Amino acid sequence: MKIRNIIFVLSCFFSGSVFAGETTGKVNLLYVHGYNDFILFSMISAQPGFASCAVTGRYAISTSTQQGKNIFSTILAAKAANLTITVSGKSTCTTHGDAEDISAIVVN
């Protein structure tokens, strides 16, 4: 019984990644705002997967960090070359309240 309780508690801590979004497809629209440091984009995908907070079906990144700039340049390159990418989300919407934060991007 004790092991069951431990497994339950651990699953509660690690369950956030289970609900994180993941989408494979091509970049559809890219939103670059002139008044802040975040970028929003949407994708063309047969089976999009988003966190429940991402009600707009978009992903968001902040370009205030080097990681965000790297992700943004990857998105731009994929859009320009019409490449398929896989985006893994963080299951959070802290960068922009209705778009999922990005954990990783894979160029397929």
PDB file of N, CA and C in Angstrom:
ATOM      1  N   MET A   1       0.817  -1.200   0.000  1.00  0.00           N
ATOM      2  CA  MET A   1       0.000   0.000   0.000  1.00  0.00           C
ATOM      3  C   MET A   1       0.857   1.260   0.000  1.00  0.00           C
ATOM      4  N   LYS A   2       1.968   1.217   0.711  1.00  0.00           N
ATOM      5  CA  LYS A   2       2.842   2.379   0.779  1.00  0.00           C
ATOM      6  C   LYS A   2       3.431   2.702  -0.595  1.00  0.00           C
ATOM      7  N   ILE A   3       3.785   1.684  -1.354  1.00  0.00           N
ATOM      8  CA  ILE A   3       4.351   1.889  -2.691  1.00  0.00           C
ATOM      9  C   ILE A   3       3.314   2.546  -3.594  1.00  0.00           C
ATOM     10  N   ARG A   4       2.069   2.146  -3.479  1.00  0.00           N
ATOM     11  CA  ARG A   4       1.016   2.752  -4.283  1.00  0.00           C
ATOM     12  C   ARG A   4       0.895   4.249  -4.005  1.00  0.00           C
ATOM     13  N   ASN A   5       0.982   4.620  -2.750  1.00  0.00           N
ATOM     14  CA  ASN A   5       0.913   6.041  -2.387  1.00  0.00           C
ATOM     15  C   ASN A   5       2.092   6.817  -2.945  1.00  0.00           C
ATOM     16  N   ILE A   6       3.265   6.230  -2.900  1.00  0.00           N
ATOM     17  CA  ILE A   6       4.453   6.890  -3.444  1.00  0.00           C
ATOM     18  C   ILE A   6       4.317   7.076  -4.951  1.00  0.00           C
ATOM     19  N   ILE A   7       3.859   6.047  -5.649  1.00  0.00           N
ATOM     20  CA  ILE A   7       3.662   6.150  -7.097  1.00  0.00           C
ATOM     21  C   ILE A   7       2.627   7.219  -7.423  1.00  0.00           C
ATOM     22  N   PHE A   8       1.556   7.281  -6.644  1.00  0.00           N
ATOM     23  CA  PHE A   8       0.527   8.290  -6.877  1.00  0.00           C
ATOM     24  C   PHE A   8       1.090   9.700  -6.720  1.00  0.00           C
ATOM     25  N   VAL A   9       1.844   9.924  -5.661  1.00  0.00           N
ATOM     26  CA  VAL A   9       2.418  11.251  -5.407  1.00  0.00           C
ATOM     27  C   VAL A   9       3.396  11.620  -6.523  1.00  0.00           C
ATOM     28  N   LEU A  10       4.236  10.698  -6.931  1.00  0.00           N
ATOM     29  CA  LEU A  10       5.178  10.980  -8.013  1.00  0.00           C
ATOM     30  C   LEU A  10       4.456  11.263  -9.330  1.00  0.00           C
ATOM     31  N   SER A  11       3.398  10.546  -9.603  1.00  0.00           N
ATOM     32  CA  SER A  11       2.664  10.793 -10.847  1.00  0.00           C
ATOM     33  C   SER A  11       2.013  12.168 -10.844  1.00  0.00           C
ATOM     34  N   CYS A  12       1.627  12.653  -9.679  1.00  0.00           N
ATOM     35  CA  CYS A  12       1.067  14.012  -9.594  1.00  0.00           C
ATOM     36  C   CYS A  12       2.109  15.062  -9.947  1.00  0.00           C
ATOM     37  N   PHE A  13       3.362  14.840  -9.543  1.00  0.00           N
ATOM     38  CA  PHE A  13       4.423  15.793  -9.832  1.00  0.00           C
ATOM     39  C   PHE A  13       4.829  15.782 -11.293  1.00  0.00           C
ATOM     40  N   PHE A  14       4.779  14.638 -11.939  1.00  0.00           N
ATOM     41  CA  PHE A  14       5.265  14.521 -13.304  1.00  0.00           C
ATOM     42  C   PHE A  14       4.158  14.474 -14.343  1.00  0.00           C
ATOM     43  N   SER A  15       2.931  14.672 -13.952  1.00  0.00           N
ATOM     44  CA  SER A  15       1.824  14.557 -14.889  1.00  0.00           C
ATOM     45  C   SER A  15       1.709  15.755 -15.826  1.00  0.00           C
ATOM     46  N   GLY A  16       2.330  16.876 -15.528  1.00  0.00           N
ATOM     47  CA  GLY A  16       2.244  18.056 -16.389  1.00  0.00           C
ATOM     48  C   GLY A  16       2.756  17.815 -17.786  1.00  0.00           C
ATOM     49  N   SER A  17       3.823  17.031 -17.911  1.00  0.00           N
ATOM     50  CA  SER A  17       4.368  16.767 -19.237  1.00  0.00           C
ATOM     51  C   SER A  17       3.447  15.893 -20.066  1.00  0.00           C
ATOM     52  N   VAL A  18       2.579  15.127 -19.436  1.00  0.00           N
ATOM     53  CA  VAL A  18       1.641  14.293 -20.168  1.00  0.00           C
ATOM     54  C   VAL A  18       0.634  15.152 -20.913  1.00  0.00           C
ATOM     55  N   PHE A  19       0.275  16.294 -20.346  1.00  0.00           N
ATOM     56  CA  PHE A  19      -0.721  17.156 -20.941  1.00  0.00           C
ATOM     57  C   PHE A  19      -0.122  18.241 -21.834  1.00  0.00           C
ATOM     58  N   ALA A  20       1.180  18.243 -21.980  1.00  0.00           N
ATOM     59  CA  ALA A  20       1.818  19.229 -22.837  1.00  0.00           C
ATOM     60  C   ALA A  20       1.446  18.964 -24.283  1.00  0.00           C
ATOM     61  N   GLY A  21       1.336  20.040 -25.055  1.00  0.00           N
ATOM     62  CA  GLY A  21       0.969  19.897 -26.452  1.00  0.00           C
ATOM     63  C   GLY A  21       2.139  19.473 -27.311  1.00  0.00           C
ATOM     64  N   GLU A  22       1.819  18.792 -28.388  1.00  0.00           N
ATOM     65  CA  GLU A  22       2.821  18.464 -29.401  1.00  0.00           C
ATOM     66  C   GLU A  22       2.123  18.451 -30.739  1.00  0.00           C
ATOM     67  N   THR A  23       2.684  19.172 -31.686  1.00  0.00           N
ATOM     68  CA  THR A  23       2.088  19.305 -32.999  1.00  0.00           C
ATOM     69  C   THR A  23       3.152  19.106 -34.059  1.00  0.00           C
ATOM     70  N   THR A  24       2.821  18.338 -35.084  1.00  0.00           N
ATOM     71  CA  THR A  24       3.705  18.164 -36.236  1.00  0.00           C
ATOM     72  C   THR A  24       2.997  18.742 -37.448  1.00  0.00           C
ATOM     73  N   GLY A  25       3.707  19.575 -38.185  1.00  0.00           N
ATOM     74  CA  GLY A  25       3.125  20.190 -39.374  1.00  0.00           C
ATOM     75  C   GLY A  25       4.028  21.296 -39.883  1.00  0.00           C
ATOM     76  N   LYS A  26       3.444  22.188 -40.645  1.00  0.00           N
ATOM     77  CA  LYS A  26       4.179  23.321 -41.214  1.00  0.00           C
ATOM     78  C   LYS A  26       3.689  24.612 -40.576  1.00  0.00           C
ATOM     79  N   VAL A  27       4.596  25.582 -40.493  1.00  0.00           N
ATOM     80  CA  VAL A  27       4.249  26.885 -39.923  1.00  0.00           C
ATOM     81  C   VAL A  27       3.255  27.561 -40.864  1.00  0.00           C
ATOM     82  N   ASN A  28       2.147  27.986 -40.315  1.00  0.00           N
ATOM     83  CA  ASN A  28       1.101  28.620 -41.106  1.00  0.00           C
ATOM     84  C   ASN A  28       1.224  30.135 -41.029  1.00  0.00           C
ATOM     85  N   LEU A  29       0.941  30.685 -39.871  1.00  0.00           N
ATOM     86  CA  LEU A  29       1.001  32.131 -39.674  1.00  0.00           C
ATOM     87  C   LEU A  29       2.019  32.465 -38.602  1.00  0.00           C
ATOM     88  N   LEU A  30       2.734  33.528 -38.812  1.00  0.00           N
ATOM     89  CA  LEU A  30       3.760  33.991 -37.881  1.00  0.00           C
ATOM     90  C   LEU A  30       3.416  35.414 -37.473  1.00  0.00           C
ATOM     91  N   TYR A  31       3.266  35.637 -36.177  1.00  0.00           N
ATOM     92  CA  TYR A  31       2.897  36.951 -35.650  1.00  0.00           C
ATOM     93  C   TYR A  31       4.101  37.552 -34.942  1.00  0.00           C
ATOM     94  N   VAL A  32       4.641  38.627 -35.479  1.00  0.00           N
ATOM     95  CA  VAL A  32       5.768  39.331 -34.868  1.00  0.00           C
ATOM     96  C   VAL A  32       5.265  40.718 -34.489  1.00  0.00           C
ATOM     97  N   HIS A  33       5.195  40.975 -33.196  1.00  0.00           N
ATOM     98  CA  HIS A  33       4.681  42.261 -32.717  1.00  0.00           C
ATOM     99  C   HIS A  33       5.813  43.268 -32.567  1.00  0.00           C
ATOM    100  N   GLY A  34       5.534  44.499 -32.856  1.00  0.00           N
ATOM    101  CA  GLY A  34       6.528  45.544 -32.737  1.00  0.00           C
ATOM    102  C   GLY A  34       6.601  46.175 -31.356  1.00  0.00           C
ATOM    103  N   TYR A  35       5.694  45.818 -30.462  1.00  0.00           N
ATOM    104  CA  TYR A  35       5.636  46.478 -29.161  1.00  0.00           C
ATOM    105  C   TYR A  35       6.013  45.586 -27.984  1.00  0.00           C
ATOM    106  N   ASN A  36       6.412  44.343 -28.229  1.00  0.00           N
ATOM    107  CA  ASN A  36       6.860  43.459 -27.145  1.00  0.00           C
ATOM    108  C   ASN A  36       7.859  42.451 -27.692  1.00  0.00           C
ATOM    109  N   ASP A  37       8.314  41.537 -26.856  1.00  0.00           N
ATOM    110  CA  ASP A  37       9.376  40.625 -27.281  1.00  0.00           C
ATOM    111  C   ASP A  37       8.892  39.194 -27.494  1.00  0.00           C
ATOM    112  N   PHE A  38       7.607  39.008 -27.777  1.00  0.00           N
ATOM    113  CA  PHE A  38       7.184  37.643 -28.034  1.00  0.00           C
ATOM    114  C   PHE A  38       6.658  37.454 -29.446  1.00  0.00           C
ATOM    115  N   ILE A  39       6.790  36.209 -29.888  1.00  0.00           N
ATOM    116  CA  ILE A  39       6.376  35.799 -31.221  1.00  0.00           C
ATOM    117  C   ILE A  39       5.289  34.737 -31.047  1.00  0.00           C
ATOM    118  N   LEU A  40       4.246  34.832 -31.838  1.00  0.00           N
ATOM    119  CA  LEU A  40       3.180  33.833 -31.862  1.00  0.00           C
ATOM    120  C   LEU A  40       3.157  33.187 -33.241  1.00  0.00           C
ATOM    121  N   PHE A  41       2.879  31.889 -33.292  1.00  0.00           N
ATOM    122  CA  PHE A  41       2.711  31.261 -34.591  1.00  0.00           C
ATOM    123  C   PHE A  41       1.723  30.118 -34.506  1.00  0.00           C
ATOM    124  N   SER A  42       1.105  29.844 -35.637  1.00  0.00           N
ATOM    125  CA  SER A  42       0.184  28.715 -35.748  1.00  0.00           C
ATOM    126  C   SER A  42       0.721  27.763 -36.804  1.00  0.00           C
ATOM    127  N   MET A  43       0.181  26.557 -36.807  1.00  0.00           N
ATOM    128  CA  MET A  43       0.677  25.527 -37.713  1.00  0.00           C
ATOM    129  C   MET A  43      -0.459  24.884 -38.485  1.00  0.00           C
ATOM    130  N   ILE A  44      -0.124  24.344 -39.640  1.00  0.00           N
ATOM    131  CA  ILE A  44      -1.036  23.514 -40.412  1.00  0.00           C
ATOM    132  C   ILE A  44      -0.741  22.080 -39.990  1.00  0.00           C
ATOM    133  N   SER A  45      -1.716  21.423 -39.400  1.00  0.00           N
ATOM    134  CA  SER A  45      -1.517  20.075 -38.890  1.00  0.00           C
ATOM    135  C   SER A  45      -2.820  19.305 -38.917  1.00  0.00           C
ATOM    136  N   ALA A  46      -2.733  18.024 -39.261  1.00  0.00           N
ATOM    137  CA  ALA A  46      -3.925  17.179 -39.272  1.00  0.00           C
ATOM    138  C   ALA A  46      -4.397  16.865 -37.855  1.00  0.00           C
ATOM    139  N   GLN A  47      -3.460  16.721 -36.917  1.00  0.00           N
ATOM    140  CA  GLN A  47      -3.805  16.405 -35.534  1.00  0.00           C
ATOM    141  C   GLN A  47      -3.037  17.303 -34.579  1.00  0.00           C
ATOM    142  N   PRO A  48      -3.475  18.548 -34.423  1.00  0.00           N
ATOM    143  CA  PRO A  48      -2.773  19.426 -33.486  1.00  0.00           C
ATOM    144  C   PRO A  48      -3.006  18.992 -32.052  1.00  0.00           C
ATOM    145  N   GLY A  49      -2.004  19.196 -31.223  1.00  0.00           N
ATOM    146  CA  GLY A  49      -2.138  18.901 -29.807  1.00  0.00           C
ATOM    147  C   GLY A  49      -1.673  20.089 -28.993  1.00  0.00           C
ATOM    148  N   PHE A  50      -2.544  20.650 -28.200  1.00  0.00           N
ATOM    149  CA  PHE A  50      -2.196  21.832 -27.415  1.00  0.00           C
ATOM    150  C   PHE A  50      -2.605  21.629 -25.966  1.00  0.00           C
ATOM    151  N   ALA A  51      -1.957  22.372 -25.105  1.00  0.00           N
ATOM    152  CA  ALA A  51      -2.384  22.425 -23.704  1.00  0.00           C
ATOM    153  C   ALA A  51      -3.766  23.076 -23.660  1.00  0.00           C
ATOM    154  N   SER A  52      -4.517  22.803 -22.618  1.00  0.00           N
ATOM    155  CA  SER A  52      -5.875  23.327 -22.525  1.00  0.00           C
ATOM    156  C   SER A  52      -5.918  24.855 -22.471  1.00  0.00           C
ATOM    157  N   CYS A  53      -4.840  25.484 -22.019  1.00  0.00           N
ATOM    158  CA  CYS A  53      -4.816  26.954 -21.944  1.00  0.00           C
ATOM    159  C   CYS A  53      -4.629  27.606 -23.319  1.00  0.00           C
ATOM    160  N   ALA A  54      -4.163  26.857 -24.306  1.00  0.00           N
ATOM    161  CA  ALA A  54      -3.877  27.398 -25.637  1.00  0.00           C
ATOM    162  C   ALA A  54      -5.140  27.385 -26.496  1.00  0.00           C
ATOM    163  N   VAL A  55      -6.086  28.204 -26.115  1.00  0.00           N
ATOM    164  CA  VAL A  55      -7.391  28.211 -26.769  1.00  0.00           C
ATOM    165  C   VAL A  55      -7.347  28.781 -28.187  1.00  0.00           C
ATOM    166  N   THR A  56      -6.294  29.504 -28.548  1.00  0.00           N
ATOM    167  CA  THR A  56      -6.192  30.062 -29.895  1.00  0.00           C
ATOM    168  C   THR A  56      -5.530  29.107 -30.877  1.00  0.00           C
ATOM    169  N   GLY A  57      -4.967  27.998 -30.384  1.00  0.00           N
ATOM    170  CA  GLY A  57      -4.286  27.061 -31.270  1.00  0.00           C
ATOM    171  C   GLY A  57      -2.951  27.591 -31.763  1.00  0.00           C
ATOM    172  N   ARG A  58      -2.314  28.418 -30.939  1.00  0.00           N
ATOM    173  CA  ARG A  58      -1.016  28.991 -31.320  1.00  0.00           C
ATOM    174  C   ARG A  58       0.031  28.639 -30.280  1.00  0.00           C
ATOM    175  N   TYR A  59       1.285  28.769 -30.688  1.00  0.00           N
ATOM    176  CA  TYR A  59       2.416  28.650 -29.769  1.00  0.00           C
ATOM    177  C   TYR A  59       3.034  30.027 -29.592  1.00  0.00           C
ATOM    178  N   ALA A  60       3.719  30.230 -28.453  1.00  0.00           N
ATOM    179  CA  ALA A  60       4.337  31.519 -28.150  1.00  0.00           C
ATOM    180  C   ALA A  60       5.764  31.325 -27.664  1.00  0.00           C
ATOM    181  N   ILE A  61       6.636  32.243 -28.068  1.00  0.00           N
ATOM    182  CA  ILE A  61       8.005  32.268 -27.554  1.00  0.00           C
ATOM    183  C   ILE A  61       8.388  33.708 -27.256  1.00  0.00           C
ATOM    184  N   SER A  62       9.267  33.857 -26.291  1.00  0.00           N
ATOM    185  CA  SER A  62       9.818  35.165 -25.977  1.00  0.00           C
ATOM    186  C   SER A  62      11.202  35.259 -26.604  1.00  0.00           C
ATOM    187  N   THR A  63      11.471  36.352 -27.261  1.00  0.00           N
ATOM    188  CA  THR A  63      12.791  36.542 -27.873  1.00  0.00           C
ATOM    189  C   THR A  63      13.727  37.327 -26.957  1.00  0.00           C
ATOM    190  N   SER A  64      13.378  37.429 -25.691  1.00  0.00           N
ATOM    191  CA  SER A  64      14.242  38.139 -24.748  1.00  0.00           C
ATOM    192  C   SER A  64      15.413  37.271 -24.273  1.00  0.00           C
ATOM    193  N   THR A  65      15.375  35.974 -24.557  1.00  0.00           N
ATOM    194  CA  THR A  65      16.463  35.070 -24.174  1.00  0.00           C
ATOM    195  C   THR A  65      17.132  34.508 -25.423  1.00  0.00           C
ATOM    196  N   GLN A  66      18.323  33.978 -25.257  1.00  0.00           N
ATOM    197  CA  GLN A  66      19.012  33.364 -26.387  1.00  0.00           C
ATOM    198  C   GLN A  66      18.268  32.126 -26.876  1.00  0.00           C
ATOM    199  N   GLN A  67      17.681  31.365 -25.953  1.00  0.00           N
ATOM    200  CA  GLN A  67      16.909  30.194 -26.347  1.00  0.00           C
ATOM    201  C   GLN A  67      15.722  30.584 -27.225  1.00  0.00           C
ATOM    202  N   GLY A  68      15.043  31.655 -26.846  1.00  0.00           N
ATOM    203  CA  GLY A  68      13.920  32.136 -27.639  1.00  0.00           C
ATOM    204  C   GLY A  68      14.353  32.603 -29.013  1.00  0.00           C
ATOM    205  N   LYS A  69      15.497  33.258 -29.090  1.00  0.00           N
ATOM    206  CA  LYS A  69      16.017  33.696 -30.391  1.00  0.00           C
ATOM    207  C   LYS A  69      16.383  32.504 -31.264  1.00  0.00           C
ATOM    208  N   ASN A  70      16.942  31.450 -30.659  1.00  0.00           N
ATOM    209  CA  ASN A  70      17.276  30.236 -31.411  1.00  0.00           C
ATOM    210  C   ASN A  70      16.016  29.567 -31.963  1.00  0.00           C
ATOM    211  N   ILE A  71      14.990  29.482 -31.125  1.00  0.00           N
ATOM    212  CA  ILE A  71      13.732  28.879 -31.563  1.00  0.00           C
ATOM    213  C   ILE A  71      13.104  29.711 -32.671  1.00  0.00           C
ATOM    214  N   PHE A  72      13.129  31.027 -32.524  1.00  0.00           N
ATOM    215  CA  PHE A  72      12.560  31.910 -33.540  1.00  0.00           C
ATOM    216  C   PHE A  72      13.272  31.747 -34.881  1.00  0.00           C
ATOM    217  N   SER A  73      14.602  31.662 -34.860  1.00  0.00           N
ATOM    218  CA  SER A  73      15.334  31.502 -36.122  1.00  0.00           C
ATOM    219  C   SER A  73      15.022  30.147 -36.771  1.00  0.00           C
ATOM    220  N   THR A  74      14.799  29.125 -35.947  1.00  0.00           N
ATOM    221  CA  THR A  74      14.426  27.815 -36.476  1.00  0.00           C
ATOM    222  C   THR A  74      13.041  27.870 -37.125  1.00  0.00           C
ATOM    223  N   ILE A  75      12.120  28.572 -36.487  1.00  0.00           N
ATOM    224  CA  ILE A  75      10.774  28.722 -37.047  1.00  0.00           C
ATOM    225  C   ILE A  75      10.827  29.482 -38.370  1.00  0.00           C
ATOM    226  N   LEU A  76      11.617  30.550 -38.410  1.00  0.00           N
ATOM    227  CA  LEU A  76      11.753  31.327 -39.653  1.00  0.00           C
ATOM    228  C   LEU A  76      12.330  30.483 -40.785  1.00  0.00           C
ATOM    229  N   ALA A  77      13.365  29.702 -40.475  1.00  0.00           N
ATOM    230  CA  ALA A  77      13.988  28.853 -41.491  1.00  0.00           C
ATOM    231  C   ALA A  77      13.002  27.796 -41.997  1.00  0.00           C
ATOM    232  N   ALA A  78      12.256  27.195 -41.077  1.00  0.00           N
ATOM    233  CA  ALA A  78      11.273  26.182 -41.468  1.00  0.00           C
ATOM    234  C   ALA A  78      10.166  26.786 -42.326  1.00  0.00           C
ATOM    235  N   LYS A  79       9.724  27.984 -41.971  1.00  0.00           N
ATOM    236  CA  LYS A  79       8.690  28.669 -42.747  1.00  0.00           C
ATOM    237  C   LYS A  79       9.208  29.002 -44.142  1.00  0.00           C
ATOM    238  N   ALA A  80      10.417  29.542 -44.228  1.00  0.00           N
ATOM    239  CA  ALA A  80      10.990  29.937 -45.519  1.00  0.00           C
ATOM    240  C   ALA A  80      11.222  28.735 -46.434  1.00  0.00           C
ATOM    241  N   ALA A  81      11.628  27.606 -45.854  1.00  0.00           N
ATOM    242  CA  ALA A  81      11.922  26.410 -46.650  1.00  0.00           C
ATOM    243  C   ALA A  81      10.722  25.473 -46.770  1.00  0.00           C
ATOM    244  N   ASN A  82       9.588  25.844 -46.193  1.00  0.00           N
ATOM    245  CA  ASN A  82       8.373  25.031 -46.225  1.00  0.00           C
ATOM    246  C   ASN A  82       8.613  23.632 -45.648  1.00  0.00           C
ATOM    247  N   LEU A  83       9.351  23.570 -44.522  1.00  0.00           N
ATOM    248  CA  LEU A  83       9.686  22.307 -43.881  1.00  0.00           C
ATOM    249  C   LEU A  83       8.661  21.943 -42.817  1.00  0.00           C
ATOM    250  N   THR A  84       8.547  20.656 -42.564  1.00  0.00           N
ATOM    251  CA  THR A  84       7.697  20.159 -41.486  1.00  0.00           C
ATOM    252  C   THR A  84       8.495  20.172 -40.191  1.00  0.00           C
ATOM    253  N   ILE A  85       7.856  20.634 -39.113  1.00  0.00           N
ATOM    254  CA  ILE A  85       8.491  20.666 -37.796  1.00  0.00           C
ATOM    255  C   ILE A  85       7.579  19.978 -36.784  1.00  0.00           C
ATOM    256  N   THR A  86       8.167  19.558 -35.682  1.00  0.00           N
ATOM    257  CA  THR A  86       7.407  19.057 -34.541  1.00  0.00           C
ATOM    258  C   THR A  86       7.691  19.983 -33.370  1.00  0.00           C
ATOM    259  N   VAL A  87       6.643  20.538 -32.811  1.00  0.00           N
ATOM    260  CA  VAL A  87       6.764  21.470 -31.699  1.00  0.00           C
ATOM    261  C   VAL A  87       6.243  20.797 -30.442  1.00  0.00           C
ATOM    262  N   SER A  88       7.050  20.788 -29.397  1.00  0.00           N
ATOM    263  CA  SER A  88       6.638  20.274 -28.093  1.00  0.00           C
ATOM    264  C   SER A  88       6.385  21.452 -27.169  1.00  0.00           C
ATOM    265  N   GLY A  89       5.231  21.462 -26.559  1.00  0.00           N
ATOM    266  CA  GLY A  89       4.872  22.542 -25.654  1.00  0.00           C
ATOM    267  C   GLY A  89       5.206  22.216 -24.213  1.00  0.00           C
ATOM    268  N   LYS A  90       5.101  23.243 -23.371  1.00  0.00           N
ATOM    269  CA  LYS A  90       5.390  23.112 -21.942  1.00  0.00           C
ATOM    270  C   LYS A  90       4.139  22.893 -21.096  1.00  0.00           C
ATOM    271  N   SER A  91       2.987  22.917 -21.722  1.00  0.00           N
ATOM    272  CA  SER A  91       1.709  22.811 -21.008  1.00  0.00           C
ATOM    273  C   SER A  91       1.446  24.042 -20.141  1.00  0.00           C
ATOM    274  N   THR A  92       2.046  25.157 -20.530  1.00  0.00           N
ATOM    275  CA  THR A  92       1.810  26.434 -19.852  1.00  0.00           C
ATOM    276  C   THR A  92       1.560  27.513 -20.906  1.00  0.00           C
ATOM    277  N   CYS A  93       0.973  28.594 -20.490  1.00  0.00           N
ATOM    278  CA  CYS A  93       0.706  29.728 -21.376  1.00  0.00           C
ATOM    279  C   CYS A  93       1.148  31.012 -20.689  1.00  0.00           C
ATOM    280  N   THR A  94       2.400  31.071 -20.240  1.00  0.00           N
ATOM    281  CA  THR A  94       2.876  32.235 -19.490  1.00  0.00           C
ATOM    282  C   THR A  94       3.387  33.352 -20.390  1.00  0.00           C
ATOM    283  N   THR A  95       3.903  33.033 -21.567  1.00  0.00           N
ATOM    284  CA  THR A  95       4.409  34.075 -22.477  1.00  0.00           C
ATOM    285  C   THR A  95       3.260  34.906 -23.015  1.00  0.00           C
ATOM    286  N   HIS A  96       2.207  34.244 -23.443  1.00  0.00           N
ATOM    287  CA  HIS A  96       1.007  34.889 -23.955  1.00  0.00           C
ATOM    288  C   HIS A  96      -0.156  34.052 -23.443  1.00  0.00           C
ATOM    289  N   GLY A  97      -1.090  34.641 -22.764  1.00  0.00           N
ATOM    290  CA  GLY A  97      -2.111  33.933 -22.007  1.00  0.00           C
ATOM    291  C   GLY A  97      -2.920  32.877 -22.720  1.00  0.00           C
ATOM    292  N   ASP A  98      -3.002  32.936 -24.055  1.00  0.00           N
ATOM    293  CA  ASP A  98      -3.829  31.960 -24.775  1.00  0.00           C
ATOM    294  C   ASP A  98      -3.050  31.156 -25.811  1.00  0.00           C
ATOM    295  N   ALA A  99      -1.710  31.138 -25.694  1.00  0.00           N
ATOM    296  CA  ALA A  99      -0.856  30.386 -26.614  1.00  0.00           C
ATOM    297  C   ALA A  99       0.161  29.592 -25.801  1.00  0.00           C
ATOM    298  N   GLU A 100       0.414  28.353 -26.207  1.00  0.00           N
ATOM    299  CA  GLU A 100       1.274  27.470 -25.418  1.00  0.00           C
ATOM    300  C   GLU A 100       2.755  27.833 -25.554  1.00  0.00           C
ATOM    301  N   ASP A 101       3.461  27.809 -24.421  1.00  0.00           N
ATOM    302  CA  ASP A 101       4.911  28.023 -24.398  1.00  0.00           C
ATOM    303  C   ASP A 101       5.609  26.812 -25.025  1.00  0.00           C
ATOM    304  N   ILE A 102       6.765  27.052 -25.631  1.00  0.00           N
ATOM    305  CA  ILE A 102       7.476  25.998 -26.373  1.00  0.00           C
ATOM    306  C   ILE A 102       8.596  25.419 -25.531  1.00  0.00           C
ATOM    307  N   SER A 103       8.673  24.105 -25.562  1.00  0.00           N
ATOM    308  CA  SER A 103       9.753  23.381 -24.908  1.00  0.00           C
ATOM    309  C   SER A 103      10.865  23.047 -25.902  1.00  0.00           C
ATOM    310  N   ALA A 104      10.475  22.571 -27.097  1.00  0.00           N
ATOM    311  CA  ALA A 104      11.462  22.173 -28.111  1.00  0.00           C
ATOM    312  C   ALA A 104      10.836  22.172 -29.495  1.00  0.00           C
ATOM    313  N   ILE A 105      11.710  22.312 -30.498  1.00  0.00           N
ATOM    314  CA  ILE A 105      11.293  22.215 -31.896  1.00  0.00           C
ATOM    315  C   ILE A 105      12.238  21.262 -32.597  1.00  0.00           C
ATOM    316  N   VAL A 106      11.662  20.363 -33.392  1.00  0.00           N
ATOM    317  CA  VAL A 106      12.447  19.441 -34.202  1.00  0.00           C
ATOM    318  C   VAL A 106      12.113  19.707 -35.659  1.00  0.00           C
ATOM    319  N   VAL A 107      13.133  19.918 -36.480  1.00  0.00           N
ATOM    320  CA  VAL A 107      12.917  20.071 -37.916  1.00  0.00           C
ATOM    321  C   VAL A 107      12.982  18.675 -38.510  1.00  0.00           C
ATOM    322  N   ASN A 108      11.875  18.267 -39.133  1.00  0.00           N
ATOM    323  CA  ASN A 108      11.774  16.891 -39.659  1.00  0.00           C
ATOM    324  C   ASN A 108      12.371  16.780 -41.057  1.00  0.00           C
TER     325      ASN A 108
END
